[in-house]
Amino acid sequence: MTVNTIEMIINSSCVSEKPKAIRKATINGVRVFPYYSQKAWNGDTYGILGFGRLTDHFPVVPPEGGLYLCLAMSRSSGSGCGTPRGLCFGPSCVYSLFNNEVTCCPASEAAPLG
């Protein structure tokens, strides 16, 4: 399996926030750059935080030990997006993994730590 993109559902206010609360992101120690978008579903608007082109750095996944995403966040964010609890939509952080063909999308969730 290849993983080309990781997307997380976030609070929509975090998409439009300036400056962004995420100051730096790494996956397995490799610097990656997030993109933000919004999606409407069932009349609600959700924020999306994504990391794409991961196969440029990790052609085979899972590499030894899996993938570890690290987000350096600014706690001075006025909208509360500088903590996992403020960034993630709902009581947990929901994420999906996409391959190059977007034919597999395993989704899971992780409880925020902060």
N, C-alpha and C. Protein backbone atom coordinates (compact mmCIF):
# COMPACT_ATOMS: atom_id res chain seq x y z
N MET A 1 0.84 -1.18 0.00
CA MET A 1 0.00 0.00 0.00
C MET A 1 0.88 1.24 0.00
N THR A 2 0.48 2.23 -0.74
CA THR A 2 1.14 3.53 -0.69
C THR A 2 0.20 4.53 -0.03
N VAL A 3 0.77 5.48 0.66
CA VAL A 3 -0.01 6.57 1.24
C VAL A 3 0.53 7.85 0.64
N ASN A 4 -0.30 8.50 -0.15
CA ASN A 4 0.12 9.74 -0.80
C ASN A 4 -0.40 10.98 -0.06
N THR A 5 -1.52 10.85 0.64
CA THR A 5 -2.13 11.99 1.30
C THR A 5 -2.71 11.58 2.64
N ILE A 6 -2.55 12.46 3.62
CA ILE A 6 -3.22 12.34 4.91
C ILE A 6 -4.10 13.58 5.07
N GLU A 7 -5.37 13.38 5.42
CA GLU A 7 -6.26 14.50 5.68
C GLU A 7 -6.93 14.33 7.04
N MET A 8 -7.08 15.46 7.74
CA MET A 8 -7.74 15.49 9.04
C MET A 8 -8.94 16.44 8.97
N ILE A 9 -10.01 16.09 9.67
CA ILE A 9 -11.15 17.00 9.79
C ILE A 9 -10.85 17.96 10.94
N ILE A 10 -10.90 19.26 10.64
CA ILE A 10 -10.60 20.27 11.65
C ILE A 10 -11.75 21.27 11.73
N ASN A 11 -11.72 22.11 12.75
CA ASN A 11 -12.71 23.18 12.87
C ASN A 11 -12.56 24.13 11.69
N SER A 12 -13.67 24.52 11.10
CA SER A 12 -13.61 25.37 9.90
C SER A 12 -12.97 26.72 10.19
N SER A 13 -13.05 27.21 11.42
CA SER A 13 -12.41 28.49 11.76
C SER A 13 -10.89 28.41 11.64
N CYS A 14 -10.32 27.22 11.78
CA CYS A 14 -8.87 27.05 11.68
C CYS A 14 -8.38 27.18 10.24
N VAL A 15 -9.27 27.00 9.27
CA VAL A 15 -8.89 27.12 7.86
C VAL A 15 -8.65 28.58 7.50
N SER A 16 -9.51 29.47 7.99
CA SER A 16 -9.41 30.88 7.63
C SER A 16 -8.52 31.69 8.57
N GLU A 17 -8.09 31.09 9.66
CA GLU A 17 -7.26 31.79 10.64
C GLU A 17 -5.95 32.29 10.03
N LYS A 18 -5.57 33.52 10.40
CA LYS A 18 -4.29 34.08 9.96
C LYS A 18 -3.64 34.77 11.14
N PRO A 19 -2.39 34.50 11.46
CA PRO A 19 -1.58 33.43 10.88
C PRO A 19 -2.08 32.06 11.36
N LYS A 20 -1.71 31.04 10.64
CA LYS A 20 -2.13 29.68 10.97
C LYS A 20 -1.48 29.23 12.28
N ALA A 21 -2.19 28.42 13.04
CA ALA A 21 -1.69 27.92 14.31
C ALA A 21 -0.58 26.89 14.13
N ILE A 22 -0.58 26.17 13.02
CA ILE A 22 0.47 25.17 12.80
C ILE A 22 1.69 25.87 12.25
N ARG A 23 2.77 25.83 13.02
CA ARG A 23 4.00 26.51 12.64
C ARG A 23 4.95 25.61 11.86
N LYS A 24 4.91 24.31 12.14
CA LYS A 24 5.80 23.36 11.47
C LYS A 24 5.17 21.98 11.56
N ALA A 25 5.36 21.17 10.52
CA ALA A 25 4.85 19.80 10.52
C ALA A 25 5.92 18.88 9.97
N THR A 26 6.06 17.72 10.59
CA THR A 26 6.98 16.70 10.09
C THR A 26 6.28 15.35 10.11
N ILE A 27 6.69 14.49 9.19
CA ILE A 27 6.29 13.09 9.21
C ILE A 27 7.57 12.29 9.22
N ASN A 28 7.75 11.51 10.26
CA ASN A 28 8.98 10.73 10.46
C ASN A 28 10.21 11.63 10.35
N GLY A 29 10.12 12.85 10.87
CA GLY A 29 11.25 13.77 10.88
C GLY A 29 11.46 14.55 9.60
N VAL A 30 10.67 14.29 8.56
CA VAL A 30 10.79 14.98 7.27
C VAL A 30 9.79 16.14 7.26
N ARG A 31 10.26 17.34 6.98
CA ARG A 31 9.38 18.52 6.94
C ARG A 31 8.35 18.36 5.83
N VAL A 32 7.08 18.57 6.17
CA VAL A 32 5.98 18.55 5.21
C VAL A 32 5.19 19.84 5.38
N PHE A 33 4.48 20.22 4.33
CA PHE A 33 3.76 21.49 4.34
C PHE A 33 2.27 21.23 4.19
N PRO A 34 1.48 21.76 5.13
CA PRO A 34 0.04 21.49 5.11
C PRO A 34 -0.70 22.31 4.07
N TYR A 35 -1.84 21.80 3.66
CA TYR A 35 -2.79 22.59 2.89
C TYR A 35 -4.11 22.58 3.66
N TYR A 36 -4.89 23.60 3.45
CA TYR A 36 -6.17 23.77 4.14
C TYR A 36 -7.27 23.92 3.10
N SER A 37 -8.42 23.34 3.39
CA SER A 37 -9.59 23.52 2.53
C SER A 37 -10.84 23.35 3.37
N GLN A 38 -11.97 23.61 2.77
CA GLN A 38 -13.25 23.41 3.43
C GLN A 38 -14.12 22.50 2.58
N LYS A 39 -14.91 21.68 3.25
CA LYS A 39 -15.84 20.78 2.57
C LYS A 39 -17.21 20.94 3.21
N ALA A 40 -18.23 21.00 2.37
CA ALA A 40 -19.60 21.04 2.87
C ALA A 40 -20.18 19.64 2.78
N TRP A 41 -20.87 19.23 3.83
CA TRP A 41 -21.51 17.92 3.85
C TRP A 41 -22.73 18.00 4.76
N ASN A 42 -23.86 17.59 4.24
CA ASN A 42 -25.13 17.59 4.99
C ASN A 42 -25.44 18.96 5.60
N GLY A 43 -25.13 20.01 4.87
CA GLY A 43 -25.46 21.35 5.33
C GLY A 43 -24.46 21.97 6.29
N ASP A 44 -23.43 21.24 6.68
CA ASP A 44 -22.39 21.78 7.57
C ASP A 44 -21.09 21.95 6.80
N THR A 45 -20.27 22.90 7.23
CA THR A 45 -18.97 23.12 6.62
C THR A 45 -17.89 22.65 7.58
N TYR A 46 -17.00 21.84 7.07
CA TYR A 46 -15.90 21.28 7.86
C TYR A 46 -14.58 21.77 7.29
N GLY A 47 -13.60 21.90 8.15
CA GLY A 47 -12.26 22.24 7.69
C GLY A 47 -11.47 20.97 7.42
N ILE A 48 -10.55 21.05 6.48
CA ILE A 48 -9.67 19.93 6.15
C ILE A 48 -8.23 20.41 6.25
N LEU A 49 -7.42 19.68 6.98
CA LEU A 49 -5.98 19.90 7.05
C LEU A 49 -5.34 18.70 6.38
N GLY A 50 -4.55 18.94 5.34
CA GLY A 50 -3.98 17.82 4.59
C GLY A 50 -2.50 17.95 4.35
N PHE A 51 -1.90 16.81 4.08
CA PHE A 51 -0.49 16.72 3.71
C PHE A 51 -0.43 15.80 2.49
N GLY A 52 0.03 16.33 1.37
CA GLY A 52 0.04 15.57 0.13
C GLY A 52 1.44 15.26 -0.36
N ARG A 53 1.49 14.51 -1.46
CA ARG A 53 2.74 14.11 -2.12
C ARG A 53 3.68 13.37 -1.18
N LEU A 54 3.11 12.57 -0.31
CA LEU A 54 3.93 11.85 0.67
C LEU A 54 4.77 10.77 0.02
N THR A 55 4.34 10.25 -1.14
CA THR A 55 5.14 9.22 -1.81
C THR A 55 6.46 9.78 -2.32
N ASP A 56 6.58 11.12 -2.40
CA ASP A 56 7.88 11.70 -2.75
C ASP A 56 8.92 11.37 -1.69
N HIS A 57 8.49 11.27 -0.43
CA HIS A 57 9.40 11.00 0.68
C HIS A 57 9.32 9.56 1.16
N PHE A 58 8.14 8.97 1.05
CA PHE A 58 7.91 7.62 1.57
C PHE A 58 7.26 6.77 0.48
N PRO A 59 8.05 6.23 -0.45
CA PRO A 59 7.47 5.46 -1.56
C PRO A 59 6.78 4.17 -1.13
N VAL A 60 7.19 3.62 0.00
CA VAL A 60 6.58 2.40 0.52
C VAL A 60 6.09 2.69 1.93
N VAL A 61 4.82 2.41 2.16
CA VAL A 61 4.26 2.63 3.49
C VAL A 61 3.55 1.36 3.91
N PRO A 62 3.65 0.93 5.12
CA PRO A 62 4.33 1.67 6.16
C PRO A 62 5.83 1.41 6.14
N PRO A 63 6.62 2.48 6.28
CA PRO A 63 8.04 2.25 6.47
C PRO A 63 8.25 1.60 7.83
N GLU A 64 9.43 1.20 8.12
CA GLU A 64 9.74 0.58 9.41
C GLU A 64 9.15 1.41 10.55
N GLY A 65 8.21 0.86 11.28
CA GLY A 65 7.63 1.55 12.42
C GLY A 65 6.43 2.43 12.11
N GLY A 66 6.03 2.59 10.84
CA GLY A 66 4.85 3.37 10.51
C GLY A 66 5.15 4.83 10.24
N LEU A 67 4.11 5.64 10.19
CA LEU A 67 4.23 7.08 9.95
C LEU A 67 3.88 7.83 11.23
N TYR A 68 4.71 8.80 11.58
CA TYR A 68 4.49 9.62 12.77
C TYR A 68 4.37 11.08 12.36
N LEU A 69 3.21 11.67 12.57
CA LEU A 69 2.95 13.07 12.24
C LEU A 69 3.18 13.91 13.49
N CYS A 70 4.00 14.94 13.36
CA CYS A 70 4.27 15.85 14.46
C CYS A 70 3.89 17.26 14.02
N LEU A 71 3.05 17.93 14.82
CA LEU A 71 2.62 19.29 14.52
C LEU A 71 3.13 20.23 15.61
N ALA A 72 3.89 21.24 15.22
CA ALA A 72 4.31 22.30 16.15
C ALA A 72 3.27 23.40 16.04
N MET A 73 2.61 23.69 17.15
CA MET A 73 1.48 24.61 17.14
C MET A 73 1.77 25.85 17.98
N SER A 74 1.19 26.96 17.56
CA SER A 74 1.30 28.22 18.30
C SER A 74 0.13 28.31 19.27
N ARG A 75 0.42 28.31 20.55
CA ARG A 75 -0.65 28.40 21.55
C ARG A 75 -1.26 29.80 21.61
N SER A 76 -0.62 30.78 20.97
CA SER A 76 -1.15 32.14 20.99
C SER A 76 -2.24 32.36 19.95
N SER A 77 -2.62 31.30 19.28
CA SER A 77 -3.69 31.38 18.28
C SER A 77 -4.96 31.92 18.92
N GLY A 78 -5.50 32.99 18.35
CA GLY A 78 -6.69 33.63 18.92
C GLY A 78 -7.94 32.78 18.85
N SER A 79 -8.02 31.86 17.89
CA SER A 79 -9.24 31.06 17.73
C SER A 79 -9.18 29.73 18.47
N GLY A 80 -8.11 29.46 19.18
CA GLY A 80 -8.00 28.19 19.90
C GLY A 80 -7.46 27.06 19.06
N CYS A 81 -7.06 27.32 17.83
CA CYS A 81 -6.58 26.27 16.94
C CYS A 81 -5.15 25.82 17.28
N GLY A 82 -4.53 26.43 18.27
CA GLY A 82 -3.16 26.09 18.64
C GLY A 82 -3.03 24.93 19.60
N THR A 83 -4.12 24.20 19.83
CA THR A 83 -4.08 22.98 20.63
C THR A 83 -4.80 21.88 19.84
N PRO A 84 -4.46 20.62 20.08
CA PRO A 84 -5.17 19.55 19.37
C PRO A 84 -6.68 19.60 19.60
N ARG A 85 -7.10 19.91 20.83
CA ARG A 85 -8.53 19.97 21.13
C ARG A 85 -9.21 21.11 20.38
N GLY A 86 -8.51 22.21 20.18
CA GLY A 86 -9.07 23.34 19.45
C GLY A 86 -9.02 23.17 17.95
N LEU A 87 -8.00 22.44 17.47
CA LEU A 87 -7.83 22.22 16.03
C LEU A 87 -8.81 21.19 15.50
N CYS A 88 -8.89 20.05 16.16
CA CYS A 88 -9.69 18.93 15.66
C CYS A 88 -11.18 19.20 15.84
N PHE A 89 -11.97 18.74 14.89
CA PHE A 89 -13.42 18.89 14.94
C PHE A 89 -13.99 17.76 15.79
N GLY A 90 -14.77 18.10 16.80
CA GLY A 90 -15.40 17.08 17.63
C GLY A 90 -14.48 16.59 18.73
N PRO A 91 -14.85 15.48 19.37
CA PRO A 91 -14.12 15.00 20.53
C PRO A 91 -12.81 14.27 20.21
N SER A 92 -12.54 14.02 18.94
CA SER A 92 -11.31 13.32 18.57
C SER A 92 -10.80 13.87 17.24
N CYS A 93 -9.58 13.49 16.89
CA CYS A 93 -9.00 13.90 15.60
C CYS A 93 -9.26 12.79 14.59
N VAL A 94 -10.10 13.06 13.62
CA VAL A 94 -10.45 12.08 12.59
C VAL A 94 -9.56 12.32 11.38
N TYR A 95 -8.97 11.25 10.86
CA TYR A 95 -8.08 11.38 9.71
C TYR A 95 -8.34 10.26 8.71
N SER A 96 -7.96 10.52 7.47
CA SER A 96 -8.06 9.52 6.40
C SER A 96 -6.73 9.46 5.67
N LEU A 97 -6.44 8.29 5.15
CA LEU A 97 -5.25 8.05 4.34
C LEU A 97 -5.69 7.76 2.92
N PHE A 98 -5.02 8.36 1.94
CA PHE A 98 -5.37 8.17 0.54
C PHE A 98 -4.16 7.68 -0.23
N ASN A 99 -4.38 6.74 -1.15
CA ASN A 99 -3.29 6.31 -2.03
C ASN A 99 -3.28 7.21 -3.26
N ASN A 100 -2.37 6.94 -4.20
CA ASN A 100 -2.25 7.76 -5.41
C ASN A 100 -3.53 7.77 -6.23
N GLU A 101 -4.23 6.65 -6.28
CA GLU A 101 -5.42 6.52 -7.11
C GLU A 101 -6.69 6.95 -6.36
N VAL A 102 -6.57 7.29 -5.09
CA VAL A 102 -7.69 7.64 -4.23
C VAL A 102 -8.73 6.52 -4.23
N THR A 103 -8.25 5.28 -4.25
CA THR A 103 -9.14 4.13 -4.21
C THR A 103 -9.20 3.50 -2.83
N CYS A 104 -8.31 3.91 -1.97
CA CYS A 104 -8.40 3.40 -0.60
C CYS A 104 -8.39 4.56 0.37
N CYS A 105 -9.22 4.56 1.28
CA CYS A 105 -9.33 5.68 2.22
C CYS A 105 -9.62 5.17 3.62
N PRO A 106 -8.69 4.43 4.22
CA PRO A 106 -8.96 4.03 5.59
C PRO A 106 -9.07 5.26 6.48
N ALA A 107 -10.08 5.30 7.30
CA ALA A 107 -10.26 6.42 8.23
C ALA A 107 -10.14 5.91 9.65
N SER A 108 -9.66 6.75 10.52
CA SER A 108 -9.53 6.40 11.92
C SER A 108 -9.61 7.68 12.74
N GLU A 109 -9.51 7.54 14.04
CA GLU A 109 -9.50 8.72 14.88
C GLU A 109 -8.57 8.50 16.06
N ALA A 110 -8.05 9.60 16.56
CA ALA A 110 -7.17 9.58 17.72
C ALA A 110 -7.63 10.65 18.68
N ALA A 111 -7.63 10.32 19.96
CA ALA A 111 -8.02 11.30 20.97
C ALA A 111 -6.94 12.36 21.08
N PRO A 112 -7.32 13.65 21.11
CA PRO A 112 -6.32 14.70 21.24
C PRO A 112 -5.66 14.66 22.61
N LEU A 113 -4.39 15.01 22.66
CA LEU A 113 -3.64 14.98 23.92
C LEU A 113 -3.71 16.29 24.68
N GLY A 114 -4.00 17.39 23.99
CA GLY A 114 -3.93 18.68 24.69
C GLY A 114 -5.16 19.50 24.50
